[in-house]
Amino acid sequence: MIKQISWEKFESKISIDEEDDDSPSIMAVNPYGPNLNYDNFVLFIGHSNFSLTAILIYNACLVDGVEAIDPISRYRFRLAVGKLFVPKEVLDNIETVLLKEEDE
């Protein structure tokens, strides 16, 4: 089996009740559950065909440009890329780290 990672741009749908000024914060509703407002992040969902161990996730956190990684399942994770980084470069670097570590 060839190990692969594919990427999906994460787009949250913001639900705001404009008439309710008492709401403490804006919540994003998405396929993976409610979250805080992610407008300040460039987000992606990473899909893999191999198990994402804690060590692999930790190593991916060390890649320059990674703001946060949120494991969703054994094969899927949400990734926040810093706005001052080129997302394609960060994603390529994460793939290099994850696929290299997995092959060893």
N, C-alpha and C. Protein backbone atom coordinates (compact mmCIF):
# COMPACT_ATOMS: atom_id res chain seq x y z
N MET A 1 0.84 -1.19 0.00
CA MET A 1 0.00 0.00 0.00
C MET A 1 0.89 1.25 0.00
N ILE A 2 0.57 2.16 -0.87
CA ILE A 2 1.28 3.45 -0.91
C ILE A 2 0.61 4.38 0.10
N LYS A 3 1.40 4.91 1.01
CA LYS A 3 0.87 5.81 2.03
C LYS A 3 0.63 7.18 1.41
N GLN A 4 -0.52 7.76 1.72
CA GLN A 4 -0.91 9.04 1.13
C GLN A 4 -1.57 9.94 2.16
N ILE A 5 -1.49 11.23 1.87
CA ILE A 5 -2.24 12.24 2.62
C ILE A 5 -2.92 13.11 1.59
N SER A 6 -4.20 13.38 1.78
CA SER A 6 -4.91 14.33 0.92
C SER A 6 -5.44 15.46 1.79
N TRP A 7 -5.64 16.62 1.18
CA TRP A 7 -6.03 17.82 1.91
C TRP A 7 -7.36 18.34 1.41
N GLU A 8 -8.11 18.88 2.34
CA GLU A 8 -9.40 19.50 2.05
C GLU A 8 -9.42 20.83 2.78
N LYS A 9 -9.71 21.91 2.06
CA LYS A 9 -9.81 23.22 2.72
C LYS A 9 -11.01 23.19 3.65
N PHE A 10 -10.81 23.62 4.87
CA PHE A 10 -11.86 23.60 5.89
C PHE A 10 -12.62 24.91 5.84
N GLU A 11 -13.88 24.84 5.51
CA GLU A 11 -14.74 26.02 5.46
C GLU A 11 -15.84 25.86 6.50
N SER A 12 -15.83 26.69 7.52
CA SER A 12 -16.89 26.62 8.53
C SER A 12 -18.01 27.56 8.13
N LYS A 13 -19.21 27.20 8.56
CA LYS A 13 -20.37 28.04 8.31
C LYS A 13 -20.72 28.72 9.62
N ILE A 14 -20.60 30.03 9.65
CA ILE A 14 -20.86 30.78 10.87
C ILE A 14 -22.36 31.02 11.01
N SER A 15 -22.89 30.70 12.19
CA SER A 15 -24.29 31.01 12.46
C SER A 15 -24.34 32.13 13.49
N ILE A 16 -24.87 33.25 13.07
CA ILE A 16 -24.93 34.42 13.95
C ILE A 16 -26.38 34.89 14.04
N ASP A 17 -26.84 35.04 15.25
CA ASP A 17 -28.15 35.62 15.48
C ASP A 17 -27.92 37.10 15.74
N GLU A 18 -28.07 37.93 14.71
CA GLU A 18 -27.73 39.35 14.81
C GLU A 18 -28.61 40.10 15.79
N GLU A 19 -29.82 39.59 16.06
CA GLU A 19 -30.70 40.27 16.99
C GLU A 19 -30.34 39.99 18.44
N ASP A 20 -29.58 38.96 18.70
CA ASP A 20 -29.23 38.58 20.06
C ASP A 20 -27.86 39.15 20.43
N ASP A 21 -27.84 40.31 21.05
CA ASP A 21 -26.58 40.97 21.43
C ASP A 21 -25.98 40.36 22.70
N ASP A 22 -26.70 39.48 23.38
CA ASP A 22 -26.22 38.88 24.62
C ASP A 22 -25.36 37.64 24.39
N SER A 23 -25.23 37.20 23.13
CA SER A 23 -24.44 35.97 22.89
C SER A 23 -22.97 36.26 23.18
N PRO A 24 -22.32 35.39 23.97
CA PRO A 24 -20.95 35.63 24.40
C PRO A 24 -19.91 35.50 23.30
N SER A 25 -20.14 34.64 22.32
CA SER A 25 -19.16 34.46 21.24
C SER A 25 -19.84 33.86 20.03
N ILE A 26 -19.16 33.97 18.91
CA ILE A 26 -19.65 33.39 17.67
C ILE A 26 -19.19 31.94 17.61
N MET A 27 -20.08 31.04 17.22
CA MET A 27 -19.72 29.64 17.10
C MET A 27 -19.76 29.25 15.63
N ALA A 28 -18.81 28.41 15.22
CA ALA A 28 -18.78 27.87 13.88
C ALA A 28 -19.42 26.49 13.90
N VAL A 29 -20.30 26.24 12.95
CA VAL A 29 -20.94 24.94 12.85
C VAL A 29 -20.36 24.27 11.61
N ASN A 30 -19.86 23.06 11.77
CA ASN A 30 -19.21 22.37 10.67
C ASN A 30 -19.47 20.88 10.79
N PRO A 31 -19.04 20.09 9.81
CA PRO A 31 -19.32 18.64 9.85
C PRO A 31 -18.71 17.93 11.05
N TYR A 32 -17.74 18.54 11.72
CA TYR A 32 -17.04 17.88 12.82
C TYR A 32 -17.47 18.40 14.18
N GLY A 33 -18.56 19.16 14.23
CA GLY A 33 -19.08 19.66 15.49
C GLY A 33 -18.88 21.15 15.65
N PRO A 34 -19.47 21.74 16.71
CA PRO A 34 -19.33 23.17 16.94
C PRO A 34 -17.93 23.53 17.44
N ASN A 35 -17.46 24.69 17.04
CA ASN A 35 -16.13 25.16 17.43
C ASN A 35 -16.15 26.66 17.62
N LEU A 36 -15.09 27.16 18.21
CA LEU A 36 -14.95 28.61 18.28
C LEU A 36 -14.73 29.16 16.89
N ASN A 37 -14.90 30.45 16.73
CA ASN A 37 -14.75 31.10 15.43
C ASN A 37 -13.32 30.91 14.90
N TYR A 38 -13.19 30.33 13.74
CA TYR A 38 -11.90 30.05 13.13
C TYR A 38 -11.52 31.06 12.06
N ASP A 39 -12.14 32.24 12.05
CA ASP A 39 -11.85 33.23 11.02
C ASP A 39 -10.40 33.68 11.00
N ASN A 40 -9.69 33.55 12.11
CA ASN A 40 -8.31 34.01 12.19
C ASN A 40 -7.30 32.97 11.72
N PHE A 41 -7.78 31.83 11.23
CA PHE A 41 -6.89 30.75 10.82
C PHE A 41 -7.16 30.34 9.38
N VAL A 42 -6.15 29.80 8.74
CA VAL A 42 -6.32 29.12 7.46
C VAL A 42 -6.35 27.64 7.82
N LEU A 43 -7.51 27.00 7.61
CA LEU A 43 -7.71 25.63 8.10
C LEU A 43 -7.82 24.61 6.97
N PHE A 44 -7.29 23.42 7.26
CA PHE A 44 -7.36 22.30 6.34
C PHE A 44 -7.71 21.06 7.13
N ILE A 45 -8.33 20.09 6.45
CA ILE A 45 -8.54 18.76 7.00
C ILE A 45 -7.58 17.84 6.25
N GLY A 46 -6.76 17.10 7.01
CA GLY A 46 -5.85 16.13 6.41
C GLY A 46 -6.45 14.75 6.53
N HIS A 47 -6.44 14.01 5.41
CA HIS A 47 -6.94 12.64 5.37
C HIS A 47 -5.76 11.73 5.05
N SER A 48 -5.59 10.66 5.82
CA SER A 48 -4.49 9.73 5.55
C SER A 48 -5.04 8.32 5.40
N ASN A 49 -4.25 7.46 4.76
CA ASN A 49 -4.64 6.06 4.67
C ASN A 49 -3.76 5.20 5.58
N PHE A 50 -3.19 5.83 6.63
CA PHE A 50 -2.40 5.15 7.64
C PHE A 50 -2.71 5.78 8.99
N SER A 51 -2.45 5.05 10.06
CA SER A 51 -2.76 5.54 11.41
C SER A 51 -1.88 6.73 11.77
N LEU A 52 -2.52 7.73 12.32
CA LEU A 52 -1.81 8.92 12.79
C LEU A 52 -1.53 8.75 14.28
N THR A 53 -0.32 8.35 14.61
CA THR A 53 0.05 8.13 16.01
C THR A 53 0.34 9.46 16.69
N ALA A 54 0.42 9.43 18.00
CA ALA A 54 0.73 10.64 18.77
C ALA A 54 2.09 11.20 18.38
N ILE A 55 3.05 10.32 18.09
CA ILE A 55 4.38 10.78 17.69
C ILE A 55 4.34 11.49 16.35
N LEU A 56 3.56 10.95 15.39
CA LEU A 56 3.43 11.60 14.09
C LEU A 56 2.79 12.98 14.22
N ILE A 57 1.73 13.07 15.03
CA ILE A 57 1.06 14.36 15.24
C ILE A 57 2.02 15.34 15.90
N TYR A 58 2.78 14.88 16.88
CA TYR A 58 3.75 15.75 17.55
C TYR A 58 4.79 16.26 16.55
N ASN A 59 5.33 15.38 15.71
CA ASN A 59 6.32 15.79 14.72
C ASN A 59 5.74 16.79 13.72
N ALA A 60 4.47 16.62 13.35
CA ALA A 60 3.82 17.56 12.45
C ALA A 60 3.67 18.93 13.11
N CYS A 61 3.47 18.95 14.43
CA CYS A 61 3.35 20.22 15.17
C CYS A 61 4.64 21.04 15.10
N LEU A 62 5.76 20.38 14.89
CA LEU A 62 7.05 21.07 14.86
C LEU A 62 7.36 21.73 13.52
N VAL A 63 6.52 21.49 12.51
CA VAL A 63 6.73 22.09 11.20
C VAL A 63 6.45 23.59 11.27
N ASP A 64 7.35 24.39 10.70
CA ASP A 64 7.14 25.84 10.67
C ASP A 64 5.83 26.17 9.97
N GLY A 65 5.05 27.06 10.57
CA GLY A 65 3.78 27.49 10.00
C GLY A 65 2.57 26.80 10.58
N VAL A 66 2.79 25.74 11.36
CA VAL A 66 1.67 25.03 11.97
C VAL A 66 1.27 25.74 13.26
N GLU A 67 0.05 26.24 13.29
CA GLU A 67 -0.47 26.89 14.50
C GLU A 67 -1.06 25.87 15.46
N ALA A 68 -1.80 24.90 14.89
CA ALA A 68 -2.43 23.88 15.73
C ALA A 68 -2.80 22.68 14.89
N ILE A 69 -2.80 21.53 15.53
CA ILE A 69 -3.30 20.30 14.91
C ILE A 69 -4.29 19.69 15.87
N ASP A 70 -5.45 19.36 15.35
CA ASP A 70 -6.53 18.79 16.15
C ASP A 70 -6.90 17.43 15.57
N PRO A 71 -6.43 16.32 16.17
CA PRO A 71 -6.82 15.01 15.66
C PRO A 71 -8.34 14.82 15.75
N ILE A 72 -8.92 14.35 14.67
CA ILE A 72 -10.36 14.10 14.62
C ILE A 72 -10.63 12.61 14.75
N SER A 73 -9.82 11.82 14.07
CA SER A 73 -9.95 10.37 14.13
C SER A 73 -8.58 9.76 13.88
N ARG A 74 -8.56 8.45 13.77
CA ARG A 74 -7.31 7.73 13.54
C ARG A 74 -6.66 8.12 12.20
N TYR A 75 -7.47 8.56 11.24
CA TYR A 75 -6.98 8.85 9.90
C TYR A 75 -7.21 10.30 9.46
N ARG A 76 -7.71 11.14 10.36
CA ARG A 76 -8.09 12.50 9.96
C ARG A 76 -7.69 13.50 11.03
N PHE A 77 -7.28 14.70 10.59
CA PHE A 77 -6.92 15.75 11.53
C PHE A 77 -7.21 17.12 10.91
N ARG A 78 -7.46 18.07 11.79
CA ARG A 78 -7.68 19.46 11.37
C ARG A 78 -6.37 20.21 11.62
N LEU A 79 -5.99 21.06 10.69
CA LEU A 79 -4.72 21.77 10.75
C LEU A 79 -4.95 23.27 10.57
N ALA A 80 -4.37 24.07 11.47
CA ALA A 80 -4.41 25.53 11.35
C ALA A 80 -3.03 26.00 10.90
N VAL A 81 -2.99 26.73 9.78
CA VAL A 81 -1.75 27.27 9.24
C VAL A 81 -1.71 28.76 9.54
N GLY A 82 -0.55 29.25 9.99
CA GLY A 82 -0.39 30.67 10.26
C GLY A 82 -0.60 31.51 9.01
N LYS A 83 -1.23 32.65 9.18
CA LYS A 83 -1.57 33.50 8.03
C LYS A 83 -0.34 34.06 7.31
N LEU A 84 0.82 34.11 7.95
CA LEU A 84 2.00 34.66 7.30
C LEU A 84 2.84 33.58 6.62
N PHE A 85 2.29 32.37 6.51
CA PHE A 85 2.98 31.27 5.84
C PHE A 85 2.23 30.90 4.58
N VAL A 86 2.93 30.30 3.64
CA VAL A 86 2.32 29.82 2.40
C VAL A 86 1.73 28.44 2.69
N PRO A 87 0.40 28.31 2.66
CA PRO A 87 -0.22 27.04 3.03
C PRO A 87 0.32 25.84 2.25
N LYS A 88 0.52 25.98 0.95
CA LYS A 88 1.02 24.86 0.14
C LYS A 88 2.37 24.36 0.65
N GLU A 89 3.25 25.29 1.03
CA GLU A 89 4.56 24.89 1.55
C GLU A 89 4.43 24.16 2.89
N VAL A 90 3.56 24.65 3.76
CA VAL A 90 3.35 24.02 5.06
C VAL A 90 2.78 22.61 4.88
N LEU A 91 1.79 22.48 4.00
CA LEU A 91 1.18 21.17 3.75
C LEU A 91 2.20 20.19 3.18
N ASP A 92 3.03 20.66 2.25
CA ASP A 92 4.08 19.81 1.67
C ASP A 92 5.07 19.36 2.73
N ASN A 93 5.45 20.27 3.63
CA ASN A 93 6.39 19.93 4.69
C ASN A 93 5.79 18.93 5.68
N ILE A 94 4.51 19.06 5.97
CA ILE A 94 3.85 18.10 6.85
C ILE A 94 3.80 16.73 6.19
N GLU A 95 3.48 16.69 4.91
CA GLU A 95 3.49 15.42 4.20
C GLU A 95 4.85 14.76 4.27
N THR A 96 5.90 15.54 4.05
CA THR A 96 7.26 15.00 4.11
C THR A 96 7.54 14.39 5.47
N VAL A 97 7.18 15.10 6.53
CA VAL A 97 7.41 14.61 7.89
C VAL A 97 6.60 13.36 8.17
N LEU A 98 5.30 13.38 7.87
CA LEU A 98 4.43 12.25 8.19
C LEU A 98 4.78 11.02 7.36
N LEU A 99 5.05 11.20 6.10
CA LEU A 99 5.33 10.04 5.25
C LEU A 99 6.72 9.48 5.53
N LYS A 100 7.68 10.34 5.84
CA LYS A 100 9.03 9.87 6.18
C LYS A 100 8.99 9.08 7.47
N GLU A 101 8.36 9.61 8.49
CA GLU A 101 8.29 8.95 9.78
C GLU A 101 7.55 7.62 9.66
N GLU A 102 6.51 7.59 8.87
CA GLU A 102 5.70 6.39 8.74
C GLU A 102 6.46 5.28 8.02
N ASP A 103 7.34 5.63 7.08
CA ASP A 103 8.09 4.62 6.33
C ASP A 103 9.21 4.00 7.13
N GLU A 104 9.68 4.68 8.19
CA GLU A 104 10.83 4.16 8.96
C GLU A 104 10.44 3.07 9.93
